């Protein structure tokens, strides 16, 4: 079973790589047709191709391109009302000969819809009817009988992703735009909220001076159990950070622990973040490093004054 799983993933990866090697000027033309959409992009397909079409439409919407999924059978019974003149259509078909799509094409021409086909058979009848063909063919599917749309479905998804990302780049789509369109969920939260929105500050933070003795550091960190204490100088500027780990290491290293001061315990010039940075920036700073950080001091970049603490837990769970 393990070898089967590996072979499936390897076959599907090769199928996507081969599709990438076939990308040419037709892809650029498809992007231009989609960019020129006067209202929205319509994506259609039936069966498994319909599921892929829904995913592509959802991705386009998430990146700021208005899009709808059109069921080709329902289109013949009133759903063509979704169209405005010139709305481009992406048609997905593994066979390149899907009957529902063949019947739909002449009707779409009445709406002056530019047609882009993501086709598993680029020589099928649909290929001669659309304006741009993106070759989604595969040498074989991943199942032992070469029947299920496995590799072919992933290639179609990948081509849809490629179109969406190309459109993002052409339009200068930024993370802040994504946060505006996706306010819910963890990704949207990380883009929408700033560090200052969730950080701990004031009496909730353990503040100590460089000369504070170990016992008083422990008392302060026990009273404010955030996993760290900010060491500040007389002007309120951050001098260092003491974490729970620093305390444990000090107890293992030093015999005369009661004489230790915060200055001896702290990490000088710790990693820090400004209050107006998005949570995503804080998450990247804390996780994208050899040794992850569980707490981050928040510092005003202009005055260097310590403002508070941000825990990794605060990013993932609203207070």
Protein backbone atom coordinates (compact mmCIF):
# COMPACT_ATOMS: atom_id res chain seq x y z
CA UNK A 1 0.00 0.00 0.00
CA UNK A 2 2.84 2.40 0.74
CA UNK A 3 4.43 1.74 -2.64
CA UNK A 4 1.05 2.29 -4.29
CA UNK A 5 0.69 5.65 -2.57
CA UNK A 6 4.20 6.72 -3.61
CA UNK A 7 3.63 5.67 -7.22
CA UNK A 8 0.35 7.59 -7.41
CA UNK A 9 1.95 10.78 -6.12
CA UNK A 10 4.95 10.39 -8.41
CA UNK A 11 2.75 9.81 -11.46
CA UNK A 12 0.60 12.83 -10.69
CA UNK A 13 3.65 15.03 -10.07
CA UNK A 14 5.10 14.01 -13.45
CA UNK A 15 1.79 14.78 -15.14
CA UNK A 16 1.82 18.33 -13.75
CA UNK A 17 5.47 18.79 -14.74
CA UNK A 18 4.68 17.72 -18.31
CA UNK A 19 1.76 20.14 -18.40
CA UNK A 20 4.13 22.90 -17.30
CA UNK A 21 6.53 22.09 -20.14
CA UNK A 22 3.67 22.61 -22.63
CA UNK A 23 2.86 26.17 -21.48
CA UNK A 24 3.25 28.56 -24.42
CA UNK A 25 1.80 31.75 -25.87
CA UNK A 26 -1.70 30.28 -25.68
CA UNK A 27 -1.53 30.61 -21.91
CA UNK A 28 -0.63 34.31 -22.25
CA UNK A 29 -3.58 34.83 -24.57
CA UNK A 30 -5.90 33.12 -22.08
CA UNK A 31 -4.69 35.48 -19.34
CA UNK A 32 -5.35 38.51 -21.54
CA UNK A 33 -8.87 37.32 -22.34
CA UNK A 34 -9.60 36.86 -18.64
CA UNK A 35 -8.12 40.24 -17.72
CA UNK A 36 -10.47 41.88 -20.21
CA UNK A 37 -13.56 40.39 -18.56
CA UNK A 38 -16.13 43.21 -18.40
CA UNK A 39 -18.03 41.69 -15.49
CA UNK A 40 -17.03 38.19 -14.41
CA UNK A 41 -15.37 34.93 -15.41
CA UNK A 42 -17.66 31.94 -15.89
CA UNK A 43 -16.24 28.45 -15.30
CA UNK A 44 -18.12 25.36 -16.42
CA UNK A 45 -17.79 21.59 -16.52
CA UNK A 46 -19.72 18.48 -15.54
CA UNK A 47 -18.92 15.46 -13.41
CA UNK A 48 -15.41 15.53 -11.95
CA UNK A 49 -14.56 18.38 -14.32
CA UNK A 50 -17.44 20.28 -12.75
CA UNK A 51 -15.89 19.84 -9.31
CA UNK A 52 -12.59 21.17 -10.66
CA UNK A 53 -14.44 24.06 -12.31
CA UNK A 54 -15.98 25.01 -8.96
CA UNK A 55 -12.55 25.00 -7.35
CA UNK A 56 -11.08 27.23 -10.08
CA UNK A 57 -13.99 29.66 -9.77
CA UNK A 58 -13.54 29.81 -6.00
CA UNK A 59 -9.82 30.51 -6.39
CA UNK A 60 -10.50 33.33 -8.84
CA UNK A 61 -12.99 34.92 -6.45
CA UNK A 62 -10.53 34.65 -3.56
CA UNK A 63 -7.99 36.59 -5.61
CA UNK A 64 -10.36 39.41 -6.49
CA UNK A 65 -11.58 38.21 -9.90
CA UNK A 66 -15.40 38.00 -9.94
CA UNK A 67 -16.33 34.48 -11.04
CA UNK A 68 -19.25 32.06 -11.03
CA UNK A 69 -19.59 28.35 -11.68
CA UNK A 70 -22.12 27.44 -14.35
CA UNK A 71 -23.58 23.94 -14.48
CA UNK A 72 -23.81 23.20 -18.21
CA UNK A 73 -27.10 21.32 -17.94
CA UNK A 74 -28.73 24.03 -15.83
CA UNK A 75 -27.40 26.62 -18.29
CA UNK A 76 -29.85 25.21 -20.87
CA UNK A 77 -32.71 25.79 -18.44
CA UNK A 78 -32.32 29.43 -17.48
CA UNK A 79 -28.90 29.82 -15.87
CA UNK A 80 -27.54 31.58 -18.97
CA UNK A 81 -29.04 34.67 -17.35
CA UNK A 82 -25.79 34.95 -15.40
CA UNK A 83 -24.01 36.26 -18.51
CA UNK A 84 -23.28 39.80 -19.49
CA UNK A 85 -21.95 40.46 -22.96
CA UNK A 86 -18.28 39.60 -23.23
CA UNK A 87 -17.97 37.51 -20.05
CA UNK A 88 -15.24 34.93 -20.80
CA UNK A 89 -15.87 31.25 -20.12
CA UNK A 90 -13.41 28.56 -19.02
CA UNK A 91 -14.64 25.13 -20.14
CA UNK A 92 -13.23 21.98 -18.55
CA UNK A 93 -13.44 18.57 -20.16
CA UNK A 94 -11.23 15.52 -19.80
CA UNK A 95 -12.47 13.97 -23.04
CA UNK A 96 -12.60 17.21 -25.00
CA UNK A 97 -15.92 15.96 -26.28
CA UNK A 98 -18.37 16.50 -23.39
CA UNK A 99 -21.82 16.58 -24.97
CA UNK A 100 -23.24 19.15 -22.53
CA UNK A 101 -20.40 21.55 -23.35
CA UNK A 102 -20.67 20.99 -27.11
CA UNK A 103 -24.35 22.00 -26.93
CA UNK A 104 -23.48 24.99 -24.75
CA UNK A 105 -20.82 26.57 -26.98
CA UNK A 106 -23.17 28.00 -29.68
CA UNK A 107 -25.29 29.59 -26.96
CA UNK A 108 -22.24 31.20 -25.36
CA UNK A 109 -21.27 32.74 -28.69
CA UNK A 110 -24.52 34.72 -28.57
CA UNK A 111 -23.13 36.44 -25.48
CA UNK A 112 -19.83 37.15 -27.29
CA UNK A 113 -18.11 35.07 -24.64
CA UNK A 114 -14.40 34.37 -25.27
CA UNK A 115 -13.92 30.64 -24.70
CA UNK A 116 -10.91 29.04 -23.01
CA UNK A 117 -10.78 25.25 -22.93
CA UNK A 118 -8.82 23.28 -20.33
CA UNK A 119 -9.01 20.03 -22.22
CA UNK A 120 -7.67 16.57 -21.54
CA UNK A 121 -7.93 15.87 -25.26
CA UNK A 122 -6.61 18.89 -27.15
CA UNK A 123 -7.55 17.26 -30.46
CA UNK A 124 -11.18 16.62 -29.52
CA UNK A 125 -14.18 18.44 -31.00
CA UNK A 126 -14.25 21.10 -28.28
CA UNK A 127 -10.74 22.22 -29.23
CA UNK A 128 -11.94 23.48 -32.62
CA UNK A 129 -14.76 25.46 -31.03
CA UNK A 130 -12.94 27.44 -28.34
CA UNK A 131 -10.65 30.45 -28.75
CA UNK A 132 -7.76 29.13 -26.63
CA UNK A 133 -6.85 25.55 -25.75
CA UNK A 134 -4.81 24.76 -22.63
CA UNK A 135 -3.51 21.21 -22.93
CA UNK A 136 -4.48 19.21 -19.83
CA UNK A 137 -3.72 15.79 -21.31
CA UNK A 138 -1.99 13.05 -19.31
CA UNK A 139 -0.20 9.89 -20.39
CA UNK A 140 -2.25 7.85 -17.95
CA UNK A 141 -4.38 8.14 -14.87
CA UNK A 142 -3.08 6.96 -11.51
CA UNK A 143 -5.46 4.07 -10.99
CA UNK A 144 -4.43 0.58 -12.23
CA UNK A 145 -7.12 0.55 -14.94
CA UNK A 146 -6.43 4.09 -16.27
CA UNK A 147 -10.05 5.07 -15.72
CA UNK A 148 -10.49 7.49 -12.83
CA UNK A 149 -9.79 11.20 -13.48
CA UNK A 150 -6.96 11.41 -10.96
CA UNK A 151 -3.87 12.82 -12.69
CA UNK A 152 -6.03 14.60 -15.25
CA UNK A 153 -8.09 16.32 -12.57
CA UNK A 154 -4.96 17.55 -10.81
CA UNK A 155 -3.49 18.87 -14.06
CA UNK A 156 -6.71 20.80 -14.69
CA UNK A 157 -6.61 22.20 -11.15
CA UNK A 158 -2.96 23.18 -11.60
CA UNK A 159 -3.68 24.98 -14.86
CA UNK A 160 -6.51 26.86 -13.15
CA UNK A 161 -4.15 27.81 -10.32
CA UNK A 162 -1.58 28.98 -12.87
CA UNK A 163 -4.19 31.25 -14.48
CA UNK A 164 -5.25 32.66 -11.11
CA UNK A 165 -1.68 33.39 -10.00
CA UNK A 166 -0.79 34.97 -13.36
CA UNK A 167 -3.84 37.21 -13.03
CA UNK A 168 -2.81 38.14 -9.48
CA UNK A 169 0.62 39.24 -10.69
CA UNK A 170 -0.74 41.19 -13.64
CA UNK A 171 -3.18 43.03 -11.38
CA UNK A 172 -0.71 43.66 -8.55
CA UNK A 173 -2.84 41.75 -6.05
CA UNK A 174 -1.38 42.09 -2.53
CA UNK A 175 -1.82 40.24 0.79
CA UNK A 176 -3.85 43.15 2.14
CA UNK A 177 -6.28 42.68 -0.75
CA UNK A 178 -6.66 39.03 0.18
CA UNK A 179 -7.31 39.95 3.80
CA UNK A 180 -10.06 42.34 2.68
CA UNK A 181 -11.75 39.60 0.63
CA UNK A 182 -11.18 36.84 3.20
CA UNK A 183 -11.87 38.34 6.64
CA UNK A 184 -12.82 34.98 8.18
CA UNK A 185 -10.58 32.05 9.03
CA UNK A 186 -7.03 32.01 10.31
CA UNK A 187 -5.48 33.36 7.09
CA UNK A 188 -7.90 36.28 6.97
CA UNK A 189 -7.37 36.98 10.68
CA UNK A 190 -3.60 37.05 10.24
CA UNK A 191 -3.88 39.54 7.38
CA UNK A 192 -6.65 41.68 8.86
CA UNK A 193 -5.48 42.14 12.45
CA UNK A 194 -2.43 44.03 13.68
CA UNK A 195 -0.10 43.00 16.48
CA UNK A 196 -1.53 45.74 18.70
CA UNK A 197 -5.00 44.18 18.37
CA UNK A 198 -4.05 41.00 20.26
CA UNK A 199 -0.86 41.79 22.21
CA UNK A 200 -0.72 41.87 26.01
CA UNK A 201 0.23 45.18 27.59
CA UNK A 202 0.20 47.18 30.82
CA UNK A 203 -0.25 45.22 34.03
CA UNK A 204 -0.77 41.98 32.08
CA UNK A 205 2.96 41.91 31.27
CA UNK A 206 5.83 41.12 33.64
CA UNK A 207 8.10 44.19 33.55
CA UNK A 208 11.44 44.00 35.37
CA UNK A 209 14.59 46.11 35.58
CA UNK A 210 18.09 44.85 34.72
CA UNK A 211 18.96 44.81 38.45
CA UNK A 212 15.88 42.80 39.48
CA UNK A 213 16.86 39.63 41.38
CA UNK A 214 15.88 36.17 40.16
CA UNK A 215 13.29 35.65 42.91
CA UNK A 216 11.45 38.83 41.96
CA UNK A 217 11.66 37.93 38.26
CA UNK A 218 9.98 34.60 39.01
CA UNK A 219 7.32 36.32 41.12
CA UNK A 220 6.58 38.78 38.30
CA UNK A 221 6.38 36.01 35.69
CA UNK A 222 4.11 33.97 37.97
CA UNK A 223 1.78 36.96 38.43
CA UNK A 224 1.73 37.53 34.63
CA UNK A 225 1.98 34.00 33.17
CA UNK A 226 2.78 34.83 29.56
CA UNK A 227 5.96 32.79 29.37
CA UNK A 228 8.35 35.75 29.47
CA UNK A 229 9.30 38.99 31.19
CA UNK A 230 10.38 42.19 29.46
CA UNK A 231 13.52 43.76 30.89
CA UNK A 232 13.31 47.54 30.51
CA UNK A 233 15.67 50.37 31.38
CA UNK A 234 14.77 53.60 33.15
CA UNK A 235 13.33 55.10 29.98
CA UNK A 236 11.06 52.15 29.32
CA UNK A 237 13.17 50.90 26.41
CA UNK A 238 13.58 47.19 25.91
CA UNK A 239 16.89 45.95 27.28
CA UNK A 240 16.21 42.23 26.97
CA UNK A 241 13.79 39.35 27.35
CA UNK A 242 13.63 36.54 29.91
CA UNK A 243 11.69 33.42 28.97
CA UNK A 244 10.67 30.38 30.98
CA UNK A 245 13.45 28.55 29.17
CA UNK A 246 16.02 31.11 30.31
CA UNK A 247 15.00 30.47 33.92
CA UNK A 248 15.34 26.69 33.58
CA UNK A 249 18.74 27.00 31.94
CA UNK A 250 19.93 29.34 34.69
CA UNK A 251 18.86 26.87 37.39
CA UNK A 252 20.81 24.11 35.65
CA UNK A 253 23.89 26.28 35.05
CA UNK A 254 24.34 28.35 38.20
CA UNK A 255 24.61 27.16 41.79
CA UNK A 256 24.14 30.55 43.43
CA UNK A 257 20.93 31.36 41.56
CA UNK A 258 19.56 33.79 44.16
CA UNK A 259 22.29 36.29 43.36
CA UNK A 260 21.42 36.35 39.68
CA UNK A 261 19.88 39.49 38.22
CA UNK A 262 17.66 40.01 35.21
CA UNK A 263 20.64 41.40 33.32
CA UNK A 264 22.42 38.03 33.73
CA UNK A 265 19.34 36.01 32.80
CA UNK A 266 18.03 37.96 29.83
CA UNK A 267 18.62 37.63 26.13
CA UNK A 268 19.92 41.01 25.02
CA UNK A 269 18.58 42.52 21.80
CA UNK A 270 15.85 39.89 21.35
CA UNK A 271 13.76 39.50 18.20
CA UNK A 272 10.97 42.06 18.36
CA UNK A 273 8.09 43.42 16.32
CA UNK A 274 6.30 46.75 15.88
CA UNK A 275 2.67 47.11 16.99
CA UNK A 276 1.29 47.99 13.55
CA UNK A 277 2.67 44.92 11.79
CA UNK A 278 0.04 42.39 10.64
CA UNK A 279 -0.24 39.16 12.59
CA UNK A 280 1.08 37.32 9.54
CA UNK A 281 4.39 39.18 9.85
CA UNK A 282 4.62 38.19 13.51
CA UNK A 283 3.82 34.57 12.69
CA UNK A 284 6.50 34.47 10.00
CA UNK A 285 9.00 36.01 12.40
CA UNK A 286 8.23 33.47 15.11
CA UNK A 287 7.96 30.30 13.03
CA UNK A 288 10.25 30.72 10.00
CA UNK A 289 13.48 30.19 11.88
CA UNK A 290 15.60 27.23 13.05
CA UNK A 291 14.33 27.60 16.62
CA UNK A 292 10.74 28.80 16.88
CA UNK A 293 9.74 31.59 19.24
CA UNK A 294 6.73 31.29 21.53
CA UNK A 295 6.70 34.93 22.64
CA UNK A 296 7.69 38.19 20.99
CA UNK A 297 8.22 41.61 22.60
CA UNK A 298 6.37 44.47 20.95
CA UNK A 299 8.44 47.64 20.62
CA UNK A 300 7.77 51.10 19.22
CA UNK A 301 10.24 51.45 16.35
CA UNK A 302 10.58 55.22 16.77
CA UNK A 303 11.13 55.43 20.54
CA UNK A 304 12.34 51.86 21.21
CA UNK A 305 9.96 51.75 24.16
CA UNK A 306 8.61 48.31 25.09
CA UNK A 307 4.84 48.19 24.62
CA UNK A 308 3.90 44.60 25.37
CA UNK A 309 4.18 40.92 24.57
CA UNK A 310 2.70 38.77 21.83
CA UNK A 311 2.42 35.01 22.28
CA UNK A 312 2.19 32.51 19.46
CA UNK A 313 -0.99 31.32 21.16
CA UNK A 314 -2.53 34.79 20.73
CA UNK A 315 -2.13 34.59 16.95
CA UNK A 316 -4.00 31.30 16.66
CA UNK A 317 -6.73 31.88 19.23
CA UNK A 318 -8.71 35.12 19.60
CA UNK A 319 -8.65 36.61 23.07
